[in-house]
C-alpha atoms as a PDB file:
ATOM      1  CA  UNK A   1     -33.751  36.840   8.970  1.00  0.00           C
ATOM      2  CA  UNK A   2     -32.032  34.281  11.198  1.00  0.00           C
ATOM      3  CA  UNK A   3     -28.578  33.250   9.973  1.00  0.00           C
ATOM      4  CA  UNK A   4     -28.352  29.514   9.282  1.00  0.00           C
ATOM      5  CA  UNK A   5     -26.004  27.459  11.425  1.00  0.00           C
ATOM      6  CA  UNK A   6     -22.514  26.742  10.133  1.00  0.00           C
ATOM      7  CA  UNK A   7     -22.033  23.171   9.033  1.00  0.00           C
ATOM      8  CA  UNK A   8     -19.380  20.990  10.626  1.00  0.00           C
ATOM      9  CA  UNK A   9     -18.187  17.430  10.125  1.00  0.00           C
ATOM     10  CA  UNK A  10     -17.707  15.627  13.433  1.00  0.00           C
ATOM     11  CA  UNK A  11     -15.696  12.405  13.540  1.00  0.00           C
ATOM     12  CA  UNK A  12     -17.669  10.047  15.765  1.00  0.00           C
ATOM     13  CA  UNK A  13     -16.162   6.753  16.887  1.00  0.00           C
ATOM     14  CA  UNK A  14     -18.857   5.886  19.407  1.00  0.00           C
ATOM     15  CA  UNK A  15     -16.484   6.375  22.331  1.00  0.00           C
ATOM     16  CA  UNK A  16     -16.552   8.725  25.285  1.00  0.00           C
ATOM     17  CA  UNK A  17     -14.330  11.429  23.804  1.00  0.00           C
ATOM     18  CA  UNK A  18     -15.996  11.749  20.412  1.00  0.00           C
ATOM     19  CA  UNK A  19     -19.453  11.837  22.022  1.00  0.00           C
ATOM     20  CA  UNK A  20     -18.294  14.753  24.155  1.00  0.00           C
ATOM     21  CA  UNK A  21     -16.912  16.519  21.090  1.00  0.00           C
ATOM     22  CA  UNK A  22     -20.233  16.173  19.280  1.00  0.00           C
ATOM     23  CA  UNK A  23     -22.072  17.619  22.275  1.00  0.00           C
ATOM     24  CA  UNK A  24     -19.577  20.483  22.366  1.00  0.00           C
ATOM     25  CA  UNK A  25     -20.074  21.242  18.664  1.00  0.00           C
ATOM     26  CA  UNK A  26     -23.859  21.151  19.026  1.00  0.00           C
ATOM     27  CA  UNK A  27     -23.606  23.490  22.018  1.00  0.00           C
ATOM     28  CA  UNK A  28     -21.579  25.925  19.878  1.00  0.00           C
ATOM     29  CA  UNK A  29     -24.451  26.047  17.413  1.00  0.00           C
ATOM     30  CA  UNK A  30     -22.975  24.027  14.539  1.00  0.00           C
ATOM     31  CA  UNK A  31     -25.134  21.956  12.225  1.00  0.00           C
ATOM     32  CA  UNK A  32     -23.311  18.696  12.842  1.00  0.00           C
ATOM     33  CA  UNK A  33     -22.846  15.988  10.245  1.00  0.00           C
ATOM     34  CA  UNK A  34     -21.263  12.990  11.939  1.00  0.00           C
ATOM     35  CA  UNK A  35     -18.899  10.566  10.260  1.00  0.00           C
ATOM     36  CA  UNK A  36     -17.992   7.134  11.602  1.00  0.00           C
ATOM     37  CA  UNK A  37     -15.359   4.966   9.940  1.00  0.00           C
ATOM     38  CA  UNK A  38     -15.474   1.189   9.744  1.00  0.00           C
ATOM     39  CA  UNK A  39     -11.768   0.612   9.225  1.00  0.00           C
ATOM     40  CA  UNK A  40     -11.659  -3.090  10.115  1.00  0.00           C
ATOM     41  CA  UNK A  41     -11.389  -2.587  13.870  1.00  0.00           C
ATOM     42  CA  UNK A  42     -11.798  -5.565  16.180  1.00  0.00           C
ATOM     43  CA  UNK A  43     -15.486  -4.998  16.824  1.00  0.00           C
ATOM     44  CA  UNK A  44     -18.405  -3.141  15.311  1.00  0.00           C
ATOM     45  CA  UNK A  45     -20.071  -2.333  18.642  1.00  0.00           C
ATOM     46  CA  UNK A  46     -18.546   1.148  18.555  1.00  0.00           C
ATOM     47  CA  UNK A  47     -20.164   1.809  15.172  1.00  0.00           C
ATOM     48  CA  UNK A  48     -23.580   0.994  16.611  1.00  0.00           C
ATOM     49  CA  UNK A  49     -22.723   3.257  19.549  1.00  0.00           C
ATOM     50  CA  UNK A  50     -21.804   6.081  17.162  1.00  0.00           C
ATOM     51  CA  UNK A  51     -25.211   5.878  15.526  1.00  0.00           C
ATOM     52  CA  UNK A  52     -26.933   5.961  18.917  1.00  0.00           C
ATOM     53  CA  UNK A  53     -24.890   8.952  20.041  1.00  0.00           C
ATOM     54  CA  UNK A  54     -25.487  10.852  16.785  1.00  0.00           C
ATOM     55  CA  UNK A  55     -29.230  10.365  17.134  1.00  0.00           C
ATOM     56  CA  UNK A  56     -29.285  11.163  20.841  1.00  0.00           C
ATOM     57  CA  UNK A  57     -27.325  14.388  20.493  1.00  0.00           C
ATOM     58  CA  UNK A  58     -29.231  15.655  17.485  1.00  0.00           C
ATOM     59  CA  UNK A  59     -26.774  15.346  14.605  1.00  0.00           C
ATOM     60  CA  UNK A  60     -28.173  16.628  11.313  1.00  0.00           C
ATOM     61  CA  UNK A  61     -26.957  13.484   9.559  1.00  0.00           C
ATOM     62  CA  UNK A  62     -24.837  10.423  10.231  1.00  0.00           C
ATOM     63  CA  UNK A  63     -22.965   8.196   7.831  1.00  0.00           C
ATOM     64  CA  UNK A  64     -20.429   5.376   7.918  1.00  0.00           C
ATOM     65  CA  UNK A  65     -17.476   5.107   5.530  1.00  0.00           C
ATOM     66  CA  UNK A  66     -15.708   1.768   5.120  1.00  0.00           C
ATOM     67  CA  UNK A  67     -11.933   1.490   4.692  1.00  0.00           C
ATOM     68  CA  UNK A  68     -10.029  -1.779   5.138  1.00  0.00           C
ATOM     69  CA  UNK A  69      -7.043  -1.063   7.363  1.00  0.00           C
ATOM     70  CA  UNK A  70      -6.775  -4.777   8.142  1.00  0.00           C
ATOM     71  CA  UNK A  71      -5.141  -5.025   4.721  1.00  0.00           C
ATOM     72  CA  UNK A  72      -2.266  -3.009   6.213  1.00  0.00           C
ATOM     73  CA  UNK A  73      -2.353  -4.358   9.764  1.00  0.00           C
ATOM     74  CA  UNK A  74       0.379  -3.417  12.208  1.00  0.00           C
ATOM     75  CA  UNK A  75      -1.952  -2.731  15.138  1.00  0.00           C
ATOM     76  CA  UNK A  76      -3.662  -4.805  17.802  1.00  0.00           C
ATOM     77  CA  UNK A  77      -6.914  -3.212  16.613  1.00  0.00           C
ATOM     78  CA  UNK A  78      -6.538  -4.286  12.972  1.00  0.00           C
ATOM     79  CA  UNK A  79      -4.263  -7.332  13.079  1.00  0.00           C
ATOM     80  CA  UNK A  80      -3.830 -10.652  14.879  1.00  0.00           C
ATOM     81  CA  UNK A  81      -1.982  -9.048  17.786  1.00  0.00           C
ATOM     82  CA  UNK A  82      -3.161  -9.375  21.377  1.00  0.00           C
ATOM     83  CA  UNK A  83      -4.525  -6.230  23.008  1.00  0.00           C
ATOM     84  CA  UNK A  84      -2.205  -5.424  25.947  1.00  0.00           C
ATOM     85  CA  UNK A  85      -3.731  -5.273  29.407  1.00  0.00           C
ATOM     86  CA  UNK A  86      -1.072  -3.094  30.999  1.00  0.00           C
ATOM     87  CA  UNK A  87       0.124   0.433  30.259  1.00  0.00           C
ATOM     88  CA  UNK A  88       3.111   0.896  27.957  1.00  0.00           C
ATOM     89  CA  UNK A  89       5.926   3.411  28.281  1.00  0.00           C
ATOM     90  CA  UNK A  90       6.300   3.396  24.497  1.00  0.00           C
ATOM     91  CA  UNK A  91       3.760   3.894  21.736  1.00  0.00           C
ATOM     92  CA  UNK A  92       1.536   0.831  22.301  1.00  0.00           C
ATOM     93  CA  UNK A  93       0.536  -1.786  19.753  1.00  0.00           C
ATOM     94  CA  UNK A  94      -3.017  -0.408  19.826  1.00  0.00           C
ATOM     95  CA  UNK A  95      -1.737   2.540  17.769  1.00  0.00           C
ATOM     96  CA  UNK A  96      -3.215   2.226  14.271  1.00  0.00           C
ATOM     97  CA  UNK A  97      -0.722   3.533  11.670  1.00  0.00           C
ATOM     98  CA  UNK A  98      -1.931   6.808  10.112  1.00  0.00           C
ATOM     99  CA  UNK A  99      -5.488   6.323  11.435  1.00  0.00           C
ATOM    100  CA  UNK A 100      -6.215   9.915  12.453  1.00  0.00           C
ATOM    101  CA  UNK A 101      -4.625  11.208   9.243  1.00  0.00           C
ATOM    102  CA  UNK A 102      -6.964   8.969   7.285  1.00  0.00           C
ATOM    103  CA  UNK A 103     -10.024   9.861   9.379  1.00  0.00           C
ATOM    104  CA  UNK A 104      -9.444  13.593   9.077  1.00  0.00           C
ATOM    105  CA  UNK A 105      -8.833  13.226   5.337  1.00  0.00           C
ATOM    106  CA  UNK A 106     -12.220  11.551   4.940  1.00  0.00           C
ATOM    107  CA  UNK A 107     -13.822  14.252   7.085  1.00  0.00           C
ATOM    108  CA  UNK A 108     -12.104  16.904   4.979  1.00  0.00           C
ATOM    109  CA  UNK A 109     -13.424  15.431   1.752  1.00  0.00           C
ATOM    110  CA  UNK A 110     -16.931  15.253   3.203  1.00  0.00           C
ATOM    111  CA  UNK A 111     -16.634  18.840   4.428  1.00  0.00           C
ATOM    112  CA  UNK A 112     -15.770  20.016   0.912  1.00  0.00           C
ATOM    113  CA  UNK A 113     -18.861  18.297  -0.427  1.00  0.00           C
ATOM    114  CA  UNK A 114     -21.041  19.882   2.268  1.00  0.00           C
ATOM    115  CA  UNK A 115     -19.485  23.309   1.904  1.00  0.00           C
ATOM    116  CA  UNK A 116     -18.256  23.111   5.514  1.00  0.00           C
ATOM    117  CA  UNK A 117     -14.969  24.454   6.816  1.00  0.00           C
ATOM    118  CA  UNK A 118     -15.053  23.084  10.374  1.00  0.00           C
ATOM    119  CA  UNK A 119     -13.901  19.606  11.372  1.00  0.00           C
ATOM    120  CA  UNK A 120     -14.176  18.194  14.901  1.00  0.00           C
ATOM    121  CA  UNK A 121     -12.063  15.370  16.308  1.00  0.00           C
ATOM    122  CA  UNK A 122     -11.734  13.962  19.824  1.00  0.00           C
ATOM    123  CA  UNK A 123      -7.959  13.698  20.088  1.00  0.00           C
ATOM    124  CA  UNK A 124      -6.437  14.197  23.519  1.00  0.00           C
ATOM    125  CA  UNK A 125      -2.824  14.843  24.498  1.00  0.00           C
ATOM    126  CA  UNK A 126      -3.228  14.492  28.291  1.00  0.00           C
ATOM    127  CA  UNK A 127      -4.900  11.214  29.315  1.00  0.00           C
ATOM    128  CA  UNK A 128      -4.036   9.256  26.195  1.00  0.00           C
ATOM    129  CA  UNK A 129      -1.997   6.213  25.228  1.00  0.00           C
ATOM    130  CA  UNK A 130       0.958   7.989  23.623  1.00  0.00           C
ATOM    131  CA  UNK A 131      -0.345   8.088  20.064  1.00  0.00           C
ATOM    132  CA  UNK A 132       1.598  10.628  17.936  1.00  0.00           C
ATOM    133  CA  UNK A 133      -1.532  11.653  15.992  1.00  0.00           C
ATOM    134  CA  UNK A 134      -3.264  12.937  19.138  1.00  0.00           C
ATOM    135  CA  UNK A 135      -0.914  15.899  19.639  1.00  0.00           C
ATOM    136  CA  UNK A 136      -1.396  19.609  18.863  1.00  0.00           C
ATOM    137  CA  UNK A 137       1.425  19.405  16.295  1.00  0.00           C
ATOM    138  CA  UNK A 138      -0.604  16.931  14.291  1.00  0.00           C
ATOM    139  CA  UNK A 139      -3.752  19.071  14.373  1.00  0.00           C
ATOM    140  CA  UNK A 140      -1.850  22.176  13.242  1.00  0.00           C
ATOM    141  CA  UNK A 141      -0.087  20.288  10.465  1.00  0.00           C
ATOM    142  CA  UNK A 142      -3.370  18.911   9.150  1.00  0.00           C
ATOM    143  CA  UNK A 143      -4.937  22.367   9.041  1.00  0.00           C
ATOM    144  CA  UNK A 144      -2.024  23.506   6.858  1.00  0.00           C
ATOM    145  CA  UNK A 145      -2.455  20.460   4.639  1.00  0.00           C
ATOM    146  CA  UNK A 146      -6.185  21.161   4.223  1.00  0.00           C
ATOM    147  CA  UNK A 147      -5.398  24.618   2.917  1.00  0.00           C
ATOM    148  CA  UNK A 148      -3.206  23.381   0.081  1.00  0.00           C
ATOM    149  CA  UNK A 149      -4.747  19.982  -0.718  1.00  0.00           C
ATOM    150  CA  UNK A 150      -8.330  20.998  -1.511  1.00  0.00           C
ATOM    151  CA  UNK A 151     -10.111  22.969  -4.209  1.00  0.00           C
ATOM    152  CA  UNK A 152     -11.880  24.973  -1.518  1.00  0.00           C
ATOM    153  CA  UNK A 153      -8.565  25.695   0.198  1.00  0.00           C
ATOM    154  CA  UNK A 154      -6.790  27.030  -2.864  1.00  0.00           C
ATOM    155  CA  UNK A 155      -9.824  29.237  -3.531  1.00  0.00           C
ATOM    156  CA  UNK A 156      -9.493  30.832  -0.117  1.00  0.00           C
ATOM    157  CA  UNK A 157     -11.519  28.649   2.262  1.00  0.00           C
ATOM    158  CA  UNK A 158      -9.890  28.295   5.651  1.00  0.00           C
ATOM    159  CA  UNK A 159     -10.475  24.904   7.191  1.00  0.00           C
ATOM    160  CA  UNK A 160     -10.285  24.603  10.953  1.00  0.00           C
ATOM    161  CA  UNK A 161      -9.719  21.396  12.903  1.00  0.00           C
ATOM    162  CA  UNK A 162     -11.387  21.706  16.292  1.00  0.00           C
ATOM    163  CA  UNK A 163      -9.910  19.517  19.019  1.00  0.00           C
ATOM    164  CA  UNK A 164     -11.713  20.840  22.115  1.00  0.00           C
ATOM    165  CA  UNK A 165     -10.526  18.018  24.378  1.00  0.00           C
ATOM    166  CA  UNK A 166      -6.866  18.101  23.488  1.00  0.00           C
ATOM    167  CA  UNK A 167      -5.683  19.647  26.768  1.00  0.00           C
ATOM    168  CA  UNK A 168      -8.310  18.164  29.127  1.00  0.00           C
ATOM    169  CA  UNK A 169      -7.875  15.244  31.493  1.00  0.00           C
ATOM    170  CA  UNK A 170     -10.303  12.354  31.185  1.00  0.00           C
ATOM    171  CA  UNK A 171     -12.060  13.532  34.345  1.00  0.00           C
ATOM    172  CA  UNK A 172     -12.436  17.044  32.900  1.00  0.00           C
ATOM    173  CA  UNK A 173     -13.825  15.588  29.678  1.00  0.00           C
ATOM    174  CA  UNK A 174     -16.403  13.575  31.605  1.00  0.00           C
ATOM    175  CA  UNK A 175     -17.475  16.557  33.699  1.00  0.00           C
ATOM    176  CA  UNK A 176     -17.767  18.698  30.555  1.00  0.00           C
ATOM    177  CA  UNK A 177     -19.800  16.083  28.704  1.00  0.00           C
ATOM    178  CA  UNK A 178     -22.026  15.432  31.702  1.00  0.00           C
ATOM    179  CA  UNK A 179     -22.823  19.152  31.888  1.00  0.00           C
ATOM    180  CA  UNK A 180     -23.741  19.029  28.182  1.00  0.00           C
ATOM    181  CA  UNK A 181     -26.069  16.093  28.700  1.00  0.00           C
ATOM    182  CA  UNK A 182     -23.990  13.280  27.186  1.00  0.00           C
ATOM    183  CA  UNK A 183     -25.333   9.825  28.061  1.00  0.00           C
ATOM    184  CA  UNK A 184     -22.089   7.913  28.471  1.00  0.00           C
ATOM    185  CA  UNK A 185     -24.008   4.656  28.892  1.00  0.00           C
ATOM    186  CA  UNK A 186     -24.521   4.807  25.110  1.00  0.00           C
ATOM    187  CA  UNK A 187     -20.783   4.928  24.361  1.00  0.00           C
ATOM    188  CA  UNK A 188     -18.223   2.167  23.852  1.00  0.00           C
ATOM    189  CA  UNK A 189     -14.534   2.832  24.528  1.00  0.00           C
ATOM    190  CA  UNK A 190     -13.057  -0.654  25.042  1.00  0.00           C
ATOM    191  CA  UNK A 191     -10.433  -1.903  22.566  1.00  0.00           C
ATOM    192  CA  UNK A 192     -11.923  -5.397  22.688  1.00  0.00           C
ATOM    193  CA  UNK A 193     -15.594  -4.981  23.539  1.00  0.00           C
ATOM    194  CA  UNK A 194     -17.820  -7.966  22.820  1.00  0.00           C
ATOM    195  CA  UNK A 195     -20.546  -7.997  20.178  1.00  0.00           C
ATOM    196  CA  UNK A 196     -22.973  -6.439  22.645  1.00  0.00           C
ATOM    197  CA  UNK A 197     -20.630  -3.551  23.434  1.00  0.00           C
ATOM    198  CA  UNK A 198     -19.651  -4.819  26.888  1.00  0.00           C
ATOM    199  CA  UNK A 199     -16.180  -3.707  27.944  1.00  0.00           C
ATOM    200  CA  UNK A 200     -13.353  -6.013  28.968  1.00  0.00           C
ATOM    201  CA  UNK A 201     -12.373  -3.811  31.922  1.00  0.00           C
ATOM    202  CA  UNK A 202      -8.698  -4.651  31.463  1.00  0.00           C
ATOM    203  CA  UNK A 203      -7.295  -2.829  28.420  1.00  0.00           C
ATOM    204  CA  UNK A 204      -5.657   0.606  28.528  1.00  0.00           C
ATOM    205  CA  UNK A 205      -8.776   2.326  27.186  1.00  0.00           C
ATOM    206  CA  UNK A 206     -10.950   0.742  29.887  1.00  0.00           C
ATOM    207  CA  UNK A 207      -8.437   1.772  32.553  1.00  0.00           C
ATOM    208  CA  UNK A 208      -8.383   5.411  31.401  1.00  0.00           C
ATOM    209  CA  UNK A 209     -12.173   5.512  31.200  1.00  0.00           C
ATOM    210  CA  UNK A 210     -12.713   3.927  34.622  1.00  0.00           C
ATOM    211  CA  UNK A 211     -10.128   6.181  36.285  1.00  0.00           C
ATOM    212  CA  UNK A 212     -11.711   9.202  34.598  1.00  0.00           C
ATOM    213  CA  UNK A 213     -15.145   8.529  36.038  1.00  0.00           C
ATOM    214  CA  UNK A 214     -13.672   7.902  39.469  1.00  0.00           C
ATOM    215  CA  UNK A 215     -11.631  11.134  39.392  1.00  0.00           C
ATOM    216  CA  UNK A 216     -14.611  13.100  38.078  1.00  0.00           C
ATOM    217  CA  UNK A 217     -16.839  11.820  40.862  1.00  0.00           C
ATOM    218  CA  UNK A 218     -19.381  10.654  38.284  1.00  0.00           C
ATOM    219  CA  UNK A 219     -20.955   7.164  38.427  1.00  0.00           C
ATOM    220  CA  UNK A 220     -19.460   4.899  35.769  1.00  0.00           C
ATOM    221  CA  UNK A 221     -22.264   3.623  33.474  1.00  0.00           C
ATOM    222  CA  UNK A 222     -19.974   1.260  31.548  1.00  0.00           C
ATOM    223  CA  UNK A 223     -21.304  -2.246  30.966  1.00  0.00           C
ATOM    224  CA  UNK A 224     -18.580  -4.805  31.630  1.00  0.00           C
ATOM    225  CA  UNK A 225     -18.492  -8.358  30.373  1.00  0.00           C
ATOM    226  CA  UNK A 226     -18.454 -11.082  33.027  1.00  0.00           C
ATOM    227  CA  UNK A 227     -14.935 -12.264  33.726  1.00  0.00           C
ATOM    228  CA  UNK A 228     -14.374 -15.991  33.810  1.00  0.00           C
END
């Protein structure tokens, strides 16, 4: 009798990193249930991208949860604050307060419902914008929280937060995903993409993505909006 695949919840934003994480989880043999979150971000193009990526990489299921972080604001992605077009030496205004804590909490709740103990997230502590919730300390702390904050945890289940990209450069991520068959043309990474998913080419996320493809020696499939 063949043992059934372990279930995992994979957070899928529709961007380059999360697409690579999904491909990595599929390669490891997990039955992947993807979760995208409509939290009031500037555009919904990444949500459409997440659905495309989930289908293309063979996720067992895909769903979208809606949470209104615009009611809190405090970020250029959820408030009337301009997206910066130059790198910052401090935590930039594109940081969304408590976003990854919220996303992992939703994934954790979904995992309990599914009977899964594995969560995947595309955080990265190398080529990133300085967000505090992309660091190994955050991942470790959330694993501890999961063990004491859930019915499954107090009954002995051990939840694991997989962050396979956390120590990789953007170029290494792209090479890894390319080897796994990720179609990066289907992804959207830009902080202010238009309604058709075309990137601005100027924000910090676009810069990191473009530099990553160049360093990886992989053609950049990103669609850019025409600049006036």
